[in-house]
Amino acid sequence: MENTITAEEIKRRGISAVDEALKYGPVHVIQRSKRRYVILSEENYQSLARHSQARSAIWSHVTSGTSEQSRSKADIDQQIQKERRAWDT
């Protein structure tokens, strides 16, 4: 089941309601019976940001070559694996 909280509950209980819900992971905020927002802990946000930056770096590296600097599929796969291992650290 998703970790959810209503906007009304946040209004009523304040940040303590969010803090309590964040203990169980990202929180979906429900407003007018629809999911409107997702609240992440700082740790989750930083992890997401690191992964996004790593993906951007890989894509930039993969697409930066010209036809004169062609790389083989094996070279590209090796670089991608190296970058993915860095994500786990």
PDB file of N, CA and C in Angstrom:
ATOM      1  N   MET A   1       0.832  -1.180   0.000  1.00  0.00           N
ATOM      2  CA  MET A   1       0.000   0.000   0.000  1.00  0.00           C
ATOM      3  C   MET A   1       0.880   1.249   0.000  1.00  0.00           C
ATOM      4  N   GLU A   2       0.426   2.269  -0.716  1.00  0.00           N
ATOM      5  CA  GLU A   2       1.179   3.512  -0.784  1.00  0.00           C
ATOM      6  C   GLU A   2       1.161   4.251   0.545  1.00  0.00           C
ATOM      7  N   ASN A   3       2.197   4.995   0.765  1.00  0.00           N
ATOM      8  CA  ASN A   3       2.303   5.839   1.945  1.00  0.00           C
ATOM      9  C   ASN A   3       1.637   7.172   1.595  1.00  0.00           C
ATOM     10  N   THR A   4       0.434   7.396   2.094  1.00  0.00           N
ATOM     11  CA  THR A   4      -0.316   8.594   1.737  1.00  0.00           C
ATOM     12  C   THR A   4      -0.748   9.376   2.973  1.00  0.00           C
ATOM     13  N   ILE A   5      -1.025  10.645   2.740  1.00  0.00           N
ATOM     14  CA  ILE A   5      -1.565  11.524   3.763  1.00  0.00           C
ATOM     15  C   ILE A   5      -2.430  12.553   3.040  1.00  0.00           C
ATOM     16  N   THR A   6      -3.489  12.965   3.649  1.00  0.00           N
ATOM     17  CA  THR A   6      -4.346  13.960   3.012  1.00  0.00           C
ATOM     18  C   THR A   6      -3.840  15.366   3.306  1.00  0.00           C
ATOM     19  N   ALA A   7      -4.154  16.270   2.403  1.00  0.00           N
ATOM     20  CA  ALA A   7      -3.798  17.676   2.612  1.00  0.00           C
ATOM     21  C   ALA A   7      -4.491  18.211   3.860  1.00  0.00           C
ATOM     22  N   GLU A   8      -5.697  17.730   4.099  1.00  0.00           N
ATOM     23  CA  GLU A   8      -6.444  18.167   5.279  1.00  0.00           C
ATOM     24  C   GLU A   8      -5.728  17.761   6.571  1.00  0.00           C
ATOM     25  N   GLU A   9      -5.157  16.546   6.559  1.00  0.00           N
ATOM     26  CA  GLU A   9      -4.439  16.094   7.751  1.00  0.00           C
ATOM     27  C   GLU A   9      -3.183  16.933   7.983  1.00  0.00           C
ATOM     28  N   ILE A  10      -2.505  17.294   6.897  1.00  0.00           N
ATOM     29  CA  ILE A  10      -1.321  18.158   7.034  1.00  0.00           C
ATOM     30  C   ILE A  10      -1.740  19.509   7.593  1.00  0.00           C
ATOM     31  N   LYS A  11      -2.857  20.033   7.093  1.00  0.00           N
ATOM     32  CA  LYS A  11      -3.347  21.312   7.587  1.00  0.00           C
ATOM     33  C   LYS A  11      -3.703  21.231   9.079  1.00  0.00           C
ATOM     34  N   ARG A  12      -4.307  20.116   9.451  1.00  0.00           N
ATOM     35  CA  ARG A  12      -4.742  19.943  10.839  1.00  0.00           C
ATOM     36  C   ARG A  12      -3.581  19.679  11.788  1.00  0.00           C
ATOM     37  N   ARG A  13      -2.674  18.763  11.393  1.00  0.00           N
ATOM     38  CA  ARG A  13      -1.612  18.326  12.309  1.00  0.00           C
ATOM     39  C   ARG A  13      -0.267  18.996  12.060  1.00  0.00           C
ATOM     40  N   GLY A  14      -0.096  19.589  10.897  1.00  0.00           N
ATOM     41  CA  GLY A  14       1.155  20.270  10.593  1.00  0.00           C
ATOM     42  C   GLY A  14       2.267  19.310  10.173  1.00  0.00           C
ATOM     43  N   ILE A  15       3.475  19.792  10.300  1.00  0.00           N
ATOM     44  CA  ILE A  15       4.654  19.062   9.830  1.00  0.00           C
ATOM     45  C   ILE A  15       4.858  17.753  10.579  1.00  0.00           C
ATOM     46  N   SER A  16       4.339  17.631  11.779  1.00  0.00           N
ATOM     47  CA  SER A  16       4.505  16.381  12.527  1.00  0.00           C
ATOM     48  C   SER A  16       3.823  15.222  11.796  1.00  0.00           C
ATOM     49  N   ALA A  17       2.722  15.506  11.095  1.00  0.00           N
ATOM     50  CA  ALA A  17       2.060  14.454  10.318  1.00  0.00           C
ATOM     51  C   ALA A  17       2.948  13.994   9.171  1.00  0.00           C
ATOM     52  N   VAL A  18       3.633  14.934   8.549  1.00  0.00           N
ATOM     53  CA  VAL A  18       4.552  14.605   7.446  1.00  0.00           C
ATOM     54  C   VAL A  18       5.745  13.831   7.988  1.00  0.00           C
ATOM     55  N   ASP A  19       6.319  14.303   9.087  1.00  0.00           N
ATOM     56  CA  ASP A  19       7.466  13.614   9.687  1.00  0.00           C
ATOM     57  C   ASP A  19       7.125  12.163  10.018  1.00  0.00           C
ATOM     58  N   GLU A  20       5.965  11.946  10.577  1.00  0.00           N
ATOM     59  CA  GLU A  20       5.549  10.587  10.923  1.00  0.00           C
ATOM     60  C   GLU A  20       5.408   9.717   9.674  1.00  0.00           C
ATOM     61  N   ALA A  21       4.778  10.257   8.637  1.00  0.00           N
ATOM     62  CA  ALA A  21       4.576   9.494   7.399  1.00  0.00           C
ATOM     63  C   ALA A  21       5.900   9.200   6.691  1.00  0.00           C
ATOM     64  N   LEU A  22       6.860  10.127   6.758  1.00  0.00           N
ATOM     65  CA  LEU A  22       8.150   9.935   6.087  1.00  0.00           C
ATOM     66  C   LEU A  22       8.960   8.776   6.671  1.00  0.00           C
ATOM     67  N   LYS A  23       8.610   8.331   7.854  1.00  0.00           N
ATOM     68  CA  LYS A  23       9.304   7.179   8.446  1.00  0.00           C
ATOM     69  C   LYS A  23       9.140   5.942   7.575  1.00  0.00           C
ATOM     70  N   TYR A  24       8.098   5.933   6.757  1.00  0.00           N
ATOM     71  CA  TYR A  24       7.785   4.763   5.933  1.00  0.00           C
ATOM     72  C   TYR A  24       8.089   4.978   4.461  1.00  0.00           C
ATOM     73  N   GLY A  25       8.834   6.042   4.149  1.00  0.00           N
ATOM     74  CA  GLY A  25       9.230   6.303   2.770  1.00  0.00           C
ATOM     75  C   GLY A  25       8.551   7.531   2.206  1.00  0.00           C
ATOM     76  N   PRO A  26       8.700   7.739   0.891  1.00  0.00           N
ATOM     77  CA  PRO A  26       8.077   8.894   0.248  1.00  0.00           C
ATOM     78  C   PRO A  26       6.574   8.943   0.531  1.00  0.00           C
ATOM     79  N   VAL A  27       6.044  10.154   0.651  1.00  0.00           N
ATOM     80  CA  VAL A  27       4.643  10.355   1.021  1.00  0.00           C
ATOM     81  C   VAL A  27       3.882  10.989  -0.134  1.00  0.00           C
ATOM     82  N   HIS A  28       2.798  10.357  -0.544  1.00  0.00           N
ATOM     83  CA  HIS A  28       1.901  10.934  -1.543  1.00  0.00           C
ATOM     84  C   HIS A  28       0.862  11.771  -0.795  1.00  0.00           C
ATOM     85  N   VAL A  29       0.717  13.025  -1.206  1.00  0.00           N
ATOM     86  CA  VAL A  29      -0.272  13.909  -0.587  1.00  0.00           C
ATOM     87  C   VAL A  29      -1.537  13.862  -1.442  1.00  0.00           C
ATOM     88  N   ILE A  30      -2.651  13.550  -0.779  1.00  0.00           N
ATOM     89  CA  ILE A  30      -3.941  13.450  -1.447  1.00  0.00           C
ATOM     90  C   ILE A  30      -4.710  14.747  -1.229  1.00  0.00           C
ATOM     91  N   GLN A  31      -5.147  15.339  -2.327  1.00  0.00           N
ATOM     92  CA  GLN A  31      -5.944  16.561  -2.252  1.00  0.00           C
ATOM     93  C   GLN A  31      -7.143  16.407  -3.175  1.00  0.00           C
ATOM     94  N   ARG A  32      -8.337  16.590  -2.649  1.00  0.00           N
ATOM     95  CA  ARG A  32      -9.583  16.410  -3.399  1.00  0.00           C
ATOM     96  C   ARG A  32      -9.638  15.032  -4.053  1.00  0.00           C
ATOM     97  N   SER A  33      -9.279  14.030  -3.286  1.00  0.00           N
ATOM     98  CA  SER A  33      -9.319  12.620  -3.689  1.00  0.00           C
ATOM     99  C   SER A  33      -8.361  12.264  -4.821  1.00  0.00           C
ATOM    100  N   LYS A  34      -7.361  13.102  -5.072  1.00  0.00           N
ATOM    101  CA  LYS A  34      -6.364  12.816  -6.111  1.00  0.00           C
ATOM    102  C   LYS A  34      -4.970  12.999  -5.546  1.00  0.00           C
ATOM    103  N   ARG A  35      -4.047  12.176  -6.028  1.00  0.00           N
ATOM    104  CA  ARG A  35      -2.647  12.354  -5.640  1.00  0.00           C
ATOM    105  C   ARG A  35      -2.131  13.634  -6.291  1.00  0.00           C
ATOM    106  N   ARG A  36      -1.630  14.557  -5.476  1.00  0.00           N
ATOM    107  CA  ARG A  36      -1.182  15.847  -5.994  1.00  0.00           C
ATOM    108  C   ARG A  36       0.320  16.061  -5.859  1.00  0.00           C
ATOM    109  N   TYR A  37       0.913  15.571  -4.802  1.00  0.00           N
ATOM    110  CA  TYR A  37       2.314  15.847  -4.504  1.00  0.00           C
ATOM    111  C   TYR A  37       2.983  14.603  -3.945  1.00  0.00           C
ATOM    112  N   VAL A  38       4.317  14.614  -4.000  1.00  0.00           N
ATOM    113  CA  VAL A  38       5.110  13.587  -3.329  1.00  0.00           C
ATOM    114  C   VAL A  38       6.138  14.306  -2.475  1.00  0.00           C
ATOM    115  N   ILE A  39       6.212  13.923  -1.230  1.00  0.00           N
ATOM    116  CA  ILE A  39       7.197  14.502  -0.304  1.00  0.00           C
ATOM    117  C   ILE A  39       8.272  13.444  -0.064  1.00  0.00           C
ATOM    118  N   LEU A  40       9.521  13.863  -0.224  1.00  0.00           N
ATOM    119  CA  LEU A  40      10.667  12.977  -0.012  1.00  0.00           C
ATOM    120  C   LEU A  40      11.482  13.468   1.181  1.00  0.00           C
ATOM    121  N   SER A  41      12.139  12.532   1.846  1.00  0.00           N
ATOM    122  CA  SER A  41      13.107  12.933   2.861  1.00  0.00           C
ATOM    123  C   SER A  41      14.312  13.529   2.131  1.00  0.00           C
ATOM    124  N   GLU A  42      15.125  14.278   2.845  1.00  0.00           N
ATOM    125  CA  GLU A  42      16.332  14.851   2.248  1.00  0.00           C
ATOM    126  C   GLU A  42      17.235  13.742   1.695  1.00  0.00           C
ATOM    127  N   GLU A  43      17.341  12.656   2.429  1.00  0.00           N
ATOM    128  CA  GLU A  43      18.175  11.526   1.990  1.00  0.00           C
ATOM    129  C   GLU A  43      17.657  10.953   0.668  1.00  0.00           C
ATOM    130  N   ASN A  44      16.348  10.739   0.559  1.00  0.00           N
ATOM    131  CA  ASN A  44      15.772  10.232  -0.688  1.00  0.00           C
ATOM    132  C   ASN A  44      15.977  11.212  -1.839  1.00  0.00           C
ATOM    133  N   TYR A  45      15.799  12.494  -1.552  1.00  0.00           N
ATOM    134  CA  TYR A  45      15.976  13.515  -2.588  1.00  0.00           C
ATOM    135  C   TYR A  45      17.418  13.533  -3.094  1.00  0.00           C
ATOM    136  N   GLN A  46      18.387  13.518  -2.187  1.00  0.00           N
ATOM    137  CA  GLN A  46      19.797  13.538  -2.584  1.00  0.00           C
ATOM    138  C   GLN A  46      20.151  12.313  -3.428  1.00  0.00           C
ATOM    139  N   SER A  47      19.623  11.157  -3.050  1.00  0.00           N
ATOM    140  CA  SER A  47      19.867   9.941  -3.823  1.00  0.00           C
ATOM    141  C   SER A  47      19.298  10.082  -5.231  1.00  0.00           C
ATOM    142  N   LEU A  48      18.088  10.589  -5.332  1.00  0.00           N
ATOM    143  CA  LEU A  48      17.459  10.802  -6.626  1.00  0.00           C
ATOM    144  C   LEU A  48      18.261  11.790  -7.467  1.00  0.00           C
ATOM    145  N   ALA A  49      18.721  12.854  -6.852  1.00  0.00           N
ATOM    146  CA  ALA A  49      19.505  13.864  -7.563  1.00  0.00           C
ATOM    147  C   ALA A  49      20.826  13.281  -8.062  1.00  0.00           C
ATOM    148  N   ARG A  50      21.493  12.471  -7.227  1.00  0.00           N
ATOM    149  CA  ARG A  50      22.758  11.845  -7.649  1.00  0.00           C
ATOM    150  C   ARG A  50      22.541  10.941  -8.849  1.00  0.00           C
ATOM    151  N   HIS A  51      21.480  10.141  -8.809  1.00  0.00           N
ATOM    152  CA  HIS A  51      21.198   9.233  -9.920  1.00  0.00           C
ATOM    153  C   HIS A  51      20.869  10.009 -11.195  1.00  0.00           C
ATOM    154  N   SER A  52      20.151  11.100 -11.053  1.00  0.00           N
ATOM    155  CA  SER A  52      19.807  11.928 -12.201  1.00  0.00           C
ATOM    156  C   SER A  52      21.068  12.538 -12.819  1.00  0.00           C
ATOM    157  N   GLN A  53      21.967  13.031 -11.990  1.00  0.00           N
ATOM    158  CA  GLN A  53      23.213  13.607 -12.487  1.00  0.00           C
ATOM    159  C   GLN A  53      24.070  12.548 -13.168  1.00  0.00           C
ATOM    160  N   ALA A  54      24.097  11.351 -12.596  1.00  0.00           N
ATOM    161  CA  ALA A  54      24.890  10.272 -13.192  1.00  0.00           C
ATOM    162  C   ALA A  54      24.324   9.894 -14.556  1.00  0.00           C
ATOM    163  N   ARG A  55      22.987   9.794 -14.655  1.00  0.00           N
ATOM    164  CA  ARG A  55      22.374   9.472 -15.950  1.00  0.00           C
ATOM    165  C   ARG A  55      22.680  10.553 -16.976  1.00  0.00           C
ATOM    166  N   SER A  56      22.629  11.812 -16.563  1.00  0.00           N
ATOM    167  CA  SER A  56      22.936  12.917 -17.480  1.00  0.00           C
ATOM    168  C   SER A  56      24.381  12.835 -17.950  1.00  0.00           C
ATOM    169  N   ALA A  57      25.278  12.524 -17.033  1.00  0.00           N
ATOM    170  CA  ALA A  57      26.696  12.412 -17.388  1.00  0.00           C
ATOM    171  C   ALA A  57      26.925  11.276 -18.375  1.00  0.00           C
ATOM    172  N   ILE A  58      26.266  10.152 -18.143  1.00  0.00           N
ATOM    173  CA  ILE A  58      26.411   9.016 -19.064  1.00  0.00           C
ATOM    174  C   ILE A  58      25.898   9.395 -20.439  1.00  0.00           C
ATOM    175  N   TRP A  59      24.700   9.985 -20.474  1.00  0.00           N
ATOM    176  CA  TRP A  59      24.105  10.343 -21.765  1.00  0.00           C
ATOM    177  C   TRP A  59      24.992  11.341 -22.502  1.00  0.00           C
ATOM    178  N   SER A  60      25.499  12.327 -21.782  1.00  0.00           N
ATOM    179  CA  SER A  60      26.378  13.318 -22.387  1.00  0.00           C
ATOM    180  C   SER A  60      27.638  12.653 -22.939  1.00  0.00           C
ATOM    181  N   HIS A  61      28.183  11.738 -22.169  1.00  0.00           N
ATOM    182  CA  HIS A  61      29.397  11.043 -22.604  1.00  0.00           C
ATOM    183  C   HIS A  61      29.121  10.173 -23.827  1.00  0.00           C
ATOM    184  N   VAL A  62      28.015   9.474 -23.825  1.00  0.00           N
ATOM    185  CA  VAL A  62      27.676   8.576 -24.933  1.00  0.00           C
ATOM    186  C   VAL A  62      27.419   9.372 -26.210  1.00  0.00           C
ATOM    187  N   THR A  63      26.773  10.513 -26.096  1.00  0.00           N
ATOM    188  CA  THR A  63      26.403  11.276 -27.290  1.00  0.00           C
ATOM    189  C   THR A  63      27.449  12.296 -27.710  1.00  0.00           C
ATOM    190  N   SER A  64      28.527  12.453 -26.962  1.00  0.00           N
ATOM    191  CA  SER A  64      29.505  13.494 -27.272  1.00  0.00           C
ATOM    192  C   SER A  64      30.473  13.099 -28.379  1.00  0.00           C
ATOM    193  N   GLY A  65      30.570  11.832 -28.709  1.00  0.00           N
ATOM    194  CA  GLY A  65      31.505  11.397 -29.744  1.00  0.00           C
ATOM    195  C   GLY A  65      31.058  11.821 -31.127  1.00  0.00           C
ATOM    196  N   THR A  66      32.003  12.075 -31.996  1.00  0.00           N
ATOM    197  CA  THR A  66      31.693  12.367 -33.397  1.00  0.00           C
ATOM    198  C   THR A  66      31.947  11.115 -34.203  1.00  0.00           C
ATOM    199  N   SER A  67      31.639  11.169 -35.472  1.00  0.00           N
ATOM    200  CA  SER A  67      31.862   9.985 -36.308  1.00  0.00           C
ATOM    201  C   SER A  67      33.345   9.631 -36.383  1.00  0.00           C
ATOM    202  N   GLU A  68      34.218  10.642 -36.202  1.00  0.00           N
ATOM    203  CA  GLU A  68      35.655  10.369 -36.198  1.00  0.00           C
ATOM    204  C   GLU A  68      36.090   9.689 -34.901  1.00  0.00           C
ATOM    205  N   GLN A  69      35.304   9.879 -33.833  1.00  0.00           N
ATOM    206  CA  GLN A  69      35.643   9.321 -32.536  1.00  0.00           C
ATOM    207  C   GLN A  69      34.679   8.209 -32.164  1.00  0.00           C
ATOM    208  N   SER A  70      34.288   7.406 -33.101  1.00  0.00           N
ATOM    209  CA  SER A  70      33.317   6.354 -32.832  1.00  0.00           C
ATOM    210  C   SER A  70      33.845   5.388 -31.791  1.00  0.00           C
ATOM    211  N   ARG A  71      32.921   4.924 -30.955  1.00  0.00           N
ATOM    212  CA  ARG A  71      33.269   3.929 -29.949  1.00  0.00           C
ATOM    213  C   ARG A  71      32.443   2.694 -30.210  1.00  0.00           C
ATOM    214  N   SER A  72      32.992   1.583 -29.830  1.00  0.00           N
ATOM    215  CA  SER A  72      32.270   0.332 -30.030  1.00  0.00           C
ATOM    216  C   SER A  72      31.192   0.180 -28.970  1.00  0.00           C
ATOM    217  N   LYS A  73      30.246  -0.697 -29.230  1.00  0.00           N
ATOM    218  CA  LYS A  73      29.194  -0.994 -28.264  1.00  0.00           C
ATOM    219  C   LYS A  73      29.811  -1.497 -26.964  1.00  0.00           C
ATOM    220  N   ALA A  74      30.833  -2.312 -27.063  1.00  0.00           N
ATOM    221  CA  ALA A  74      31.500  -2.857 -25.872  1.00  0.00           C
ATOM    222  C   ALA A  74      32.103  -1.735 -25.030  1.00  0.00           C
ATOM    223  N   ASP A  75      32.711  -0.727 -25.686  1.00  0.00           N
ATOM    224  CA  ASP A  75      33.280   0.407 -24.952  1.00  0.00           C
ATOM    225  C   ASP A  75      32.190   1.190 -24.232  1.00  0.00           C
ATOM    226  N   ILE A  76      31.076   1.409 -24.915  1.00  0.00           N
ATOM    227  CA  ILE A  76      29.966   2.138 -24.308  1.00  0.00           C
ATOM    228  C   ILE A  76      29.388   1.350 -23.140  1.00  0.00           C
ATOM    229  N   ASP A  77      29.166   0.050 -23.320  1.00  0.00           N
ATOM    230  CA  ASP A  77      28.635  -0.794 -22.245  1.00  0.00           C
ATOM    231  C   ASP A  77      29.562  -0.795 -21.033  1.00  0.00           C
ATOM    232  N   GLN A  78      30.854  -0.853 -21.288  1.00  0.00           N
ATOM    233  CA  GLN A  78      31.825  -0.844 -20.194  1.00  0.00           C
ATOM    234  C   GLN A  78      31.748   0.479 -19.417  1.00  0.00           C
ATOM    235  N   GLN A  79      31.639   1.595 -20.128  1.00  0.00           N
ATOM    236  CA  GLN A  79      31.537   2.896 -19.467  1.00  0.00           C
ATOM    237  C   GLN A  79      30.252   2.989 -18.651  1.00  0.00           C
ATOM    238  N   ILE A  80      29.153   2.499 -19.190  1.00  0.00           N
ATOM    239  CA  ILE A  80      27.873   2.530 -18.473  1.00  0.00           C
ATOM    240  C   ILE A  80      27.954   1.699 -17.202  1.00  0.00           C
ATOM    241  N   GLN A  81      28.527   0.521 -17.272  1.00  0.00           N
ATOM    242  CA  GLN A  81      28.663  -0.330 -16.080  1.00  0.00           C
ATOM    243  C   GLN A  81      29.521   0.350 -15.017  1.00  0.00           C
ATOM    244  N   LYS A  82      30.576   1.014 -15.454  1.00  0.00           N
ATOM    245  CA  LYS A  82      31.441   1.733 -14.519  1.00  0.00           C
ATOM    246  C   LYS A  82      30.651   2.828 -13.802  1.00  0.00           C
ATOM    247  N   GLU A  83      29.856   3.572 -14.554  1.00  0.00           N
ATOM    248  CA  GLU A  83      29.044   4.638 -13.958  1.00  0.00           C
ATOM    249  C   GLU A  83      27.999   4.064 -13.000  1.00  0.00           C
ATOM    250  N   ARG A  84      27.368   2.970 -13.371  1.00  0.00           N
ATOM    251  CA  ARG A  84      26.341   2.362 -12.509  1.00  0.00           C
ATOM    252  C   ARG A  84      26.941   1.869 -11.201  1.00  0.00           C
ATOM    253  N   ARG A  85      28.142   1.317 -11.252  1.00  0.00           N
ATOM    254  CA  ARG A  85      28.799   0.884 -10.012  1.00  0.00           C
ATOM    255  C   ARG A  85      29.062   2.073  -9.101  1.00  0.00           C
ATOM    256  N   ALA A  86      29.342   3.216  -9.680  1.00  0.00           N
ATOM    257  CA  ALA A  86      29.586   4.428  -8.887  1.00  0.00           C
ATOM    258  C   ALA A  86      28.314   4.868  -8.160  1.00  0.00           C
ATOM    259  N   TRP A  87      27.146   4.552  -8.705  1.00  0.00           N
ATOM    260  CA  TRP A  87      25.880   4.925  -8.059  1.00  0.00           C
ATOM    261  C   TRP A  87      25.719   4.233  -6.729  1.00  0.00           C
ATOM    262  N   ASP A  88      26.247   3.023  -6.622  1.00  0.00           N
ATOM    263  CA  ASP A  88      26.058   2.215  -5.414  1.00  0.00           C
ATOM    264  C   ASP A  88      26.953   2.649  -4.263  1.00  0.00           C
ATOM    265  N   THR A  89      27.865   3.557  -4.543  1.00  0.00           N
ATOM    266  CA  THR A  89      28.772   4.000  -3.476  1.00  0.00           C
ATOM    267  C   THR A  89      28.262   5.225  -2.795  1.00  0.00           C
TER     268      THR A  89
END
